[in-house]
């Protein structure tokens, strides 16, 4: 899989590229926004990792330019800014995820992989886990052929769990990155998981939604291993 890193800090760019190459990705690097935009438009990348603060054309303009050309490549925006308003601006400009500096490389790698999975699901249109089927285009859910009626928040939670099948989603991730709701509490997450379980698992012998105590929740079949 080929990735594009648009980052003007040579030290950060080299560290990120080295880590991604160790993870068996091919990585192209652009040192400024204009060069990055040209490369992103010319090649088919799996993910663009885009710094916000760039010389000349900044990351926000690069992101907006890609989206205005109907380029749907997943974009992970990196920035030293971590204020809520800056995160919202980045997401509204078309970024798919947002990682403030300084960051841990393992988190960046996890987010890149999550974006790749999400994009694969988006293109396929359907997620299947055991006898659970999620039509992401129509936002419809069936289990063993039986249609399940979910609220928008329950659907968003289930889709995120399915996209990350076999991986734990913490309550903070569910609140901040799936619902994007800073006013909800961990108890709100617990309540919605309980409601979702009643619809997804209660009437079926195989349970798919699991609690990982001390961490969060995950969707998996019983024979799958847990991944943090």
C-alpha atoms as a PDB file:
ATOM      1  CA  UNK A   1       0.000   0.000   0.000  1.00  0.00           C
ATOM      2  CA  UNK A   2       1.343   3.426  -0.994  1.00  0.00           C
ATOM      3  CA  UNK A   3       0.991   6.426   1.330  1.00  0.00           C
ATOM      4  CA  UNK A   4       1.741  10.122   0.900  1.00  0.00           C
ATOM      5  CA  UNK A   5       3.286  12.116   3.751  1.00  0.00           C
ATOM      6  CA  UNK A   6       3.150  15.911   3.370  1.00  0.00           C
ATOM      7  CA  UNK A   7       5.442  17.268   6.098  1.00  0.00           C
ATOM      8  CA  UNK A   8       8.029  20.057   6.003  1.00  0.00           C
ATOM      9  CA  UNK A   9       9.860  19.069   9.211  1.00  0.00           C
ATOM     10  CA  UNK A  10      12.662  16.815   7.966  1.00  0.00           C
ATOM     11  CA  UNK A  11      13.159  15.029  11.295  1.00  0.00           C
ATOM     12  CA  UNK A  12       9.462  14.212  11.730  1.00  0.00           C
ATOM     13  CA  UNK A  13       9.153  13.218   8.065  1.00  0.00           C
ATOM     14  CA  UNK A  14      12.088  10.826   8.312  1.00  0.00           C
ATOM     15  CA  UNK A  15      10.851   9.243  11.540  1.00  0.00           C
ATOM     16  CA  UNK A  16       7.327   8.764  10.213  1.00  0.00           C
ATOM     17  CA  UNK A  17       8.503   7.457   6.862  1.00  0.00           C
ATOM     18  CA  UNK A  18      10.927   5.039   8.515  1.00  0.00           C
ATOM     19  CA  UNK A  19       8.244   3.698  10.851  1.00  0.00           C
ATOM     20  CA  UNK A  20       5.701   3.281   8.068  1.00  0.00           C
ATOM     21  CA  UNK A  21       8.214   1.522   5.848  1.00  0.00           C
ATOM     22  CA  UNK A  22       8.996  -0.870   8.699  1.00  0.00           C
ATOM     23  CA  UNK A  23       5.252  -1.571   8.767  1.00  0.00           C
ATOM     24  CA  UNK A  24       5.595  -2.486   5.052  1.00  0.00           C
ATOM     25  CA  UNK A  25       4.023   0.593   3.526  1.00  0.00           C
ATOM     26  CA  UNK A  26       5.541   2.426   0.591  1.00  0.00           C
ATOM     27  CA  UNK A  27       5.833   6.121   1.430  1.00  0.00           C
ATOM     28  CA  UNK A  28       6.276   9.195  -0.771  1.00  0.00           C
ATOM     29  CA  UNK A  29       7.185  12.468   0.957  1.00  0.00           C
ATOM     30  CA  UNK A  30       6.344  16.023  -0.078  1.00  0.00           C
ATOM     31  CA  UNK A  31       7.998  18.953   1.702  1.00  0.00           C
ATOM     32  CA  UNK A  32       5.385  21.631   1.005  1.00  0.00           C
ATOM     33  CA  UNK A  33       1.688  21.926   0.312  1.00  0.00           C
ATOM     34  CA  UNK A  34       1.832  22.702  -3.400  1.00  0.00           C
ATOM     35  CA  UNK A  35       4.104  19.729  -4.110  1.00  0.00           C
ATOM     36  CA  UNK A  36       1.922  17.491  -1.935  1.00  0.00           C
ATOM     37  CA  UNK A  37      -1.230  18.537  -3.770  1.00  0.00           C
ATOM     38  CA  UNK A  38       0.333  17.780  -7.154  1.00  0.00           C
ATOM     39  CA  UNK A  39       1.459  14.338  -5.963  1.00  0.00           C
ATOM     40  CA  UNK A  40      -1.902  13.527  -4.368  1.00  0.00           C
ATOM     41  CA  UNK A  41      -3.704  14.375  -7.600  1.00  0.00           C
ATOM     42  CA  UNK A  42      -1.257  12.475  -9.791  1.00  0.00           C
ATOM     43  CA  UNK A  43      -1.126   9.168  -7.889  1.00  0.00           C
ATOM     44  CA  UNK A  44      -3.567   6.753  -6.252  1.00  0.00           C
ATOM     45  CA  UNK A  45      -2.617   6.783  -2.546  1.00  0.00           C
ATOM     46  CA  UNK A  46      -4.205   4.724   0.211  1.00  0.00           C
ATOM     47  CA  UNK A  47      -3.932   7.548   2.773  1.00  0.00           C
ATOM     48  CA  UNK A  48      -2.538  11.089   2.791  1.00  0.00           C
ATOM     49  CA  UNK A  49      -0.861  12.138   6.054  1.00  0.00           C
ATOM     50  CA  UNK A  50      -1.050  15.905   5.952  1.00  0.00           C
ATOM     51  CA  UNK A  51       0.618  18.452   8.229  1.00  0.00           C
ATOM     52  CA  UNK A  52      -1.443  21.571   8.839  1.00  0.00           C
ATOM     53  CA  UNK A  53       1.415  24.070   9.122  1.00  0.00           C
ATOM     54  CA  UNK A  54       3.179  23.980   5.745  1.00  0.00           C
ATOM     55  CA  UNK A  55       5.119  26.632   3.810  1.00  0.00           C
ATOM     56  CA  UNK A  56       3.194  28.295   0.994  1.00  0.00           C
ATOM     57  CA  UNK A  57      -0.050  26.350   0.723  1.00  0.00           C
ATOM     58  CA  UNK A  58      -1.020  25.141   4.199  1.00  0.00           C
ATOM     59  CA  UNK A  59      -2.613  21.804   4.993  1.00  0.00           C
ATOM     60  CA  UNK A  60      -6.108  23.233   5.221  1.00  0.00           C
ATOM     61  CA  UNK A  61      -5.935  24.543   1.657  1.00  0.00           C
ATOM     62  CA  UNK A  62      -4.428  21.291   0.402  1.00  0.00           C
ATOM     63  CA  UNK A  63      -7.301  19.369   1.974  1.00  0.00           C
ATOM     64  CA  UNK A  64      -9.921  21.731   0.573  1.00  0.00           C
ATOM     65  CA  UNK A  65      -8.328  21.592  -2.895  1.00  0.00           C
ATOM     66  CA  UNK A  66      -8.383  17.794  -2.927  1.00  0.00           C
ATOM     67  CA  UNK A  67     -12.020  17.659  -1.883  1.00  0.00           C
ATOM     68  CA  UNK A  68     -13.049  20.366  -4.350  1.00  0.00           C
ATOM     69  CA  UNK A  69     -11.634  18.117  -7.080  1.00  0.00           C
ATOM     70  CA  UNK A  70     -13.708  15.206  -5.701  1.00  0.00           C
ATOM     71  CA  UNK A  71     -10.599  13.359  -4.577  1.00  0.00           C
ATOM     72  CA  UNK A  72     -11.805  11.037  -1.803  1.00  0.00           C
ATOM     73  CA  UNK A  73      -8.440   9.746  -0.538  1.00  0.00           C
ATOM     74  CA  UNK A  74      -8.544   9.347   3.282  1.00  0.00           C
ATOM     75  CA  UNK A  75      -6.714  12.246   4.952  1.00  0.00           C
ATOM     76  CA  UNK A  76      -5.085  12.139   8.383  1.00  0.00           C
ATOM     77  CA  UNK A  77      -4.242  15.695   9.443  1.00  0.00           C
ATOM     78  CA  UNK A  78      -1.250  16.324  11.718  1.00  0.00           C
ATOM     79  CA  UNK A  79      -0.819  19.564  13.612  1.00  0.00           C
ATOM     80  CA  UNK A  80       0.623  21.165  16.703  1.00  0.00           C
ATOM     81  CA  UNK A  81      -2.759  22.792  17.237  1.00  0.00           C
ATOM     82  CA  UNK A  82      -5.078  20.804  19.482  1.00  0.00           C
ATOM     83  CA  UNK A  83      -7.881  23.274  20.168  1.00  0.00           C
ATOM     84  CA  UNK A  84     -11.402  22.061  19.447  1.00  0.00           C
ATOM     85  CA  UNK A  85     -11.970  24.833  16.892  1.00  0.00           C
ATOM     86  CA  UNK A  86      -8.891  23.782  14.906  1.00  0.00           C
ATOM     87  CA  UNK A  87      -9.961  20.139  14.910  1.00  0.00           C
ATOM     88  CA  UNK A  88     -13.446  21.096  13.738  1.00  0.00           C
ATOM     89  CA  UNK A  89     -12.024  23.276  10.936  1.00  0.00           C
ATOM     90  CA  UNK A  90      -9.838  20.425   9.747  1.00  0.00           C
ATOM     91  CA  UNK A  91     -12.701  17.947   9.706  1.00  0.00           C
ATOM     92  CA  UNK A  92     -15.003  20.441   7.991  1.00  0.00           C
ATOM     93  CA  UNK A  93     -12.321  21.017   5.351  1.00  0.00           C
ATOM     94  CA  UNK A  94     -12.564  17.326   4.496  1.00  0.00           C
ATOM     95  CA  UNK A  95     -10.024  15.575   6.740  1.00  0.00           C
ATOM     96  CA  UNK A  96     -11.059  12.122   7.930  1.00  0.00           C
ATOM     97  CA  UNK A  97      -9.076  12.105  11.164  1.00  0.00           C
ATOM     98  CA  UNK A  98      -6.958  14.474  13.220  1.00  0.00           C
ATOM     99  CA  UNK A  99      -3.811  13.788  15.274  1.00  0.00           C
ATOM    100  CA  UNK A 100      -2.203  16.596  17.320  1.00  0.00           C
ATOM    101  CA  UNK A 101       1.576  16.805  17.761  1.00  0.00           C
ATOM    102  CA  UNK A 102       3.463  15.493  19.593  1.00  0.00           C
ATOM    103  CA  UNK A 103       2.075  12.055  18.853  1.00  0.00           C
ATOM    104  CA  UNK A 104       3.081   8.479  19.492  1.00  0.00           C
ATOM    105  CA  UNK A 105       3.952   6.670  16.267  1.00  0.00           C
ATOM    106  CA  UNK A 106       1.977   3.583  17.284  1.00  0.00           C
ATOM    107  CA  UNK A 107      -1.161   5.736  17.440  1.00  0.00           C
ATOM    108  CA  UNK A 108      -0.443   7.222  14.016  1.00  0.00           C
ATOM    109  CA  UNK A 109       0.033   3.736  12.582  1.00  0.00           C
ATOM    110  CA  UNK A 110      -3.217   2.531  14.163  1.00  0.00           C
ATOM    111  CA  UNK A 111      -5.099   5.480  12.677  1.00  0.00           C
ATOM    112  CA  UNK A 112      -3.623   4.938   9.221  1.00  0.00           C
ATOM    113  CA  UNK A 113      -4.719   1.300   9.335  1.00  0.00           C
ATOM    114  CA  UNK A 114      -8.166   2.304  10.574  1.00  0.00           C
ATOM    115  CA  UNK A 115      -8.550   4.753   7.674  1.00  0.00           C
ATOM    116  CA  UNK A 116      -7.509   2.057   5.214  1.00  0.00           C
ATOM    117  CA  UNK A 117     -10.081  -0.343   6.670  1.00  0.00           C
ATOM    118  CA  UNK A 118     -12.756   2.346   6.628  1.00  0.00           C
ATOM    119  CA  UNK A 119     -12.025   3.229   3.015  1.00  0.00           C
ATOM    120  CA  UNK A 120     -12.146  -0.431   2.007  1.00  0.00           C
ATOM    121  CA  UNK A 121     -15.515  -0.790   3.703  1.00  0.00           C
ATOM    122  CA  UNK A 122     -16.785   2.417   2.098  1.00  0.00           C
ATOM    123  CA  UNK A 123     -15.891   1.135  -1.357  1.00  0.00           C
ATOM    124  CA  UNK A 124     -17.339  -2.296  -0.714  1.00  0.00           C
ATOM    125  CA  UNK A 125     -20.510  -0.863   0.808  1.00  0.00           C
ATOM    126  CA  UNK A 126     -21.204  -3.863   3.074  1.00  0.00           C
ATOM    127  CA  UNK A 127     -19.577  -5.077   6.301  1.00  0.00           C
ATOM    128  CA  UNK A 128     -20.120  -8.684   7.374  1.00  0.00           C
ATOM    129  CA  UNK A 129     -19.234 -10.117  10.761  1.00  0.00           C
ATOM    130  CA  UNK A 130     -20.527 -13.660  11.254  1.00  0.00           C
ATOM    131  CA  UNK A 131     -24.253 -13.440  10.395  1.00  0.00           C
ATOM    132  CA  UNK A 132     -24.337  -9.654  10.944  1.00  0.00           C
ATOM    133  CA  UNK A 133     -24.557  -7.549   7.781  1.00  0.00           C
ATOM    134  CA  UNK A 134     -24.223  -3.757   7.689  1.00  0.00           C
ATOM    135  CA  UNK A 135     -25.110  -1.949   4.469  1.00  0.00           C
ATOM    136  CA  UNK A 136     -23.102   1.264   4.897  1.00  0.00           C
ATOM    137  CA  UNK A 137     -24.663   2.872   1.827  1.00  0.00           C
ATOM    138  CA  UNK A 138     -28.256   2.508   3.024  1.00  0.00           C
ATOM    139  CA  UNK A 139     -27.356   2.467   6.771  1.00  0.00           C
ATOM    140  CA  UNK A 140     -29.337  -0.766   7.192  1.00  0.00           C
ATOM    141  CA  UNK A 141     -28.455  -3.634   9.518  1.00  0.00           C
ATOM    142  CA  UNK A 142     -29.499  -7.281   9.384  1.00  0.00           C
ATOM    143  CA  UNK A 143     -28.628 -10.249  11.533  1.00  0.00           C
ATOM    144  CA  UNK A 144     -29.355 -13.751  10.249  1.00  0.00           C
ATOM    145  CA  UNK A 145     -31.532 -12.060   7.622  1.00  0.00           C
ATOM    146  CA  UNK A 146     -33.592 -10.198  10.236  1.00  0.00           C
ATOM    147  CA  UNK A 147     -33.576  -6.411   9.917  1.00  0.00           C
ATOM    148  CA  UNK A 148     -32.537  -4.498  13.038  1.00  0.00           C
ATOM    149  CA  UNK A 149     -33.852  -0.996  13.665  1.00  0.00           C
ATOM    150  CA  UNK A 150     -31.192   1.222  15.239  1.00  0.00           C
ATOM    151  CA  UNK A 151     -31.072   4.870  16.240  1.00  0.00           C
ATOM    152  CA  UNK A 152     -28.468   7.016  14.428  1.00  0.00           C
ATOM    153  CA  UNK A 153     -26.156   6.911  17.446  1.00  0.00           C
ATOM    154  CA  UNK A 154     -26.532   3.134  17.812  1.00  0.00           C
ATOM    155  CA  UNK A 155     -25.830   2.697  14.094  1.00  0.00           C
ATOM    156  CA  UNK A 156     -22.692   4.883  14.251  1.00  0.00           C
ATOM    157  CA  UNK A 157     -21.444   2.859  17.211  1.00  0.00           C
ATOM    158  CA  UNK A 158     -22.133  -0.504  15.557  1.00  0.00           C
ATOM    159  CA  UNK A 159     -20.537   0.511  12.261  1.00  0.00           C
ATOM    160  CA  UNK A 160     -17.397   1.719  14.068  1.00  0.00           C
ATOM    161  CA  UNK A 161     -17.176  -1.518  16.044  1.00  0.00           C
ATOM    162  CA  UNK A 162     -17.596  -3.535  12.841  1.00  0.00           C
ATOM    163  CA  UNK A 163     -15.010  -1.537  10.894  1.00  0.00           C
ATOM    164  CA  UNK A 164     -12.610  -2.194  13.783  1.00  0.00           C
ATOM    165  CA  UNK A 165     -13.614  -5.847  14.159  1.00  0.00           C
ATOM    166  CA  UNK A 166     -11.353  -7.594  16.663  1.00  0.00           C
ATOM    167  CA  UNK A 167     -10.006  -4.302  18.072  1.00  0.00           C
ATOM    168  CA  UNK A 168     -10.981  -2.560  21.298  1.00  0.00           C
ATOM    169  CA  UNK A 169     -12.635   0.867  21.115  1.00  0.00           C
ATOM    170  CA  UNK A 170     -12.306   2.832  24.344  1.00  0.00           C
ATOM    171  CA  UNK A 171     -15.117   4.965  25.695  1.00  0.00           C
ATOM    172  CA  UNK A 172     -13.099   8.097  24.915  1.00  0.00           C
ATOM    173  CA  UNK A 173     -12.667   7.055  21.278  1.00  0.00           C
ATOM    174  CA  UNK A 174     -16.389   6.371  20.985  1.00  0.00           C
ATOM    175  CA  UNK A 175     -17.264   9.767  22.473  1.00  0.00           C
ATOM    176  CA  UNK A 176     -14.666  11.916  20.715  1.00  0.00           C
ATOM    177  CA  UNK A 177     -14.092  10.267  17.339  1.00  0.00           C
ATOM    178  CA  UNK A 178     -17.247   8.349  16.540  1.00  0.00           C
ATOM    179  CA  UNK A 179     -19.969  10.497  18.058  1.00  0.00           C
ATOM    180  CA  UNK A 180     -17.788  13.663  18.196  1.00  0.00           C
ATOM    181  CA  UNK A 181     -19.692  14.563  21.328  1.00  0.00           C
ATOM    182  CA  UNK A 182     -17.682  16.031  24.190  1.00  0.00           C
ATOM    183  CA  UNK A 183     -20.748  16.442  26.387  1.00  0.00           C
ATOM    184  CA  UNK A 184     -21.555  12.736  26.617  1.00  0.00           C
ATOM    185  CA  UNK A 185     -20.099  10.708  29.482  1.00  0.00           C
ATOM    186  CA  UNK A 186     -18.677   7.221  29.811  1.00  0.00           C
ATOM    187  CA  UNK A 187     -22.024   6.247  31.326  1.00  0.00           C
ATOM    188  CA  UNK A 188     -23.746   7.444  28.130  1.00  0.00           C
ATOM    189  CA  UNK A 189     -21.536   5.056  26.169  1.00  0.00           C
ATOM    190  CA  UNK A 190     -22.366   2.214  28.562  1.00  0.00           C
ATOM    191  CA  UNK A 191     -26.091   2.852  28.166  1.00  0.00           C
ATOM    192  CA  UNK A 192     -25.942   2.860  24.370  1.00  0.00           C
ATOM    193  CA  UNK A 193     -23.841  -0.302  24.299  1.00  0.00           C
ATOM    194  CA  UNK A 194     -26.440  -1.993  26.512  1.00  0.00           C
ATOM    195  CA  UNK A 195     -29.242  -0.852  24.180  1.00  0.00           C
ATOM    196  CA  UNK A 196     -27.286  -1.997  21.139  1.00  0.00           C
ATOM    197  CA  UNK A 197     -26.694  -5.419  22.699  1.00  0.00           C
ATOM    198  CA  UNK A 198     -30.432  -5.905  23.169  1.00  0.00           C
ATOM    199  CA  UNK A 199     -30.954  -5.397  19.438  1.00  0.00           C
ATOM    200  CA  UNK A 200     -27.860  -7.134  18.064  1.00  0.00           C
ATOM    201  CA  UNK A 201     -27.208  -9.994  20.518  1.00  0.00           C
ATOM    202  CA  UNK A 202     -30.176 -10.678  22.798  1.00  0.00           C
ATOM    203  CA  UNK A 203     -32.106 -12.954  20.428  1.00  0.00           C
ATOM    204  CA  UNK A 204     -29.083 -14.793  19.028  1.00  0.00           C
ATOM    205  CA  UNK A 205     -26.986 -17.587  20.560  1.00  0.00           C
ATOM    206  CA  UNK A 206     -23.634 -16.175  19.362  1.00  0.00           C
ATOM    207  CA  UNK A 207     -22.793 -12.873  21.044  1.00  0.00           C
ATOM    208  CA  UNK A 208     -20.804 -10.379  18.967  1.00  0.00           C
ATOM    209  CA  UNK A 209     -20.461  -7.320  21.231  1.00  0.00           C
ATOM    210  CA  UNK A 210     -17.945  -7.847  24.032  1.00  0.00           C
ATOM    211  CA  UNK A 211     -16.753  -5.793  26.990  1.00  0.00           C
ATOM    212  CA  UNK A 212     -12.997  -5.679  27.521  1.00  0.00           C
ATOM    213  CA  UNK A 213     -12.861  -4.700  31.182  1.00  0.00           C
ATOM    214  CA  UNK A 214     -10.715  -1.678  31.895  1.00  0.00           C
ATOM    215  CA  UNK A 215     -10.485  -0.776  28.192  1.00  0.00           C
ATOM    216  CA  UNK A 216     -13.771  -0.573  26.284  1.00  0.00           C
ATOM    217  CA  UNK A 217     -15.804  -2.564  23.784  1.00  0.00           C
ATOM    218  CA  UNK A 218     -15.256  -4.620  20.678  1.00  0.00           C
ATOM    219  CA  UNK A 219     -17.136  -6.584  18.052  1.00  0.00           C
ATOM    220  CA  UNK A 220     -15.838 -10.081  17.326  1.00  0.00           C
ATOM    221  CA  UNK A 221     -16.877 -13.672  16.869  1.00  0.00           C
ATOM    222  CA  UNK A 222     -15.907 -16.003  19.764  1.00  0.00           C
ATOM    223  CA  UNK A 223     -12.943 -17.541  17.924  1.00  0.00           C
ATOM    224  CA  UNK A 224     -11.237 -14.213  17.170  1.00  0.00           C
ATOM    225  CA  UNK A 225      -8.346 -12.842  19.212  1.00  0.00           C
ATOM    226  CA  UNK A 226      -8.539  -9.482  20.970  1.00  0.00           C
ATOM    227  CA  UNK A 227      -6.320  -6.696  19.622  1.00  0.00           C
ATOM    228  CA  UNK A 228      -5.693  -3.635  21.820  1.00  0.00           C
END
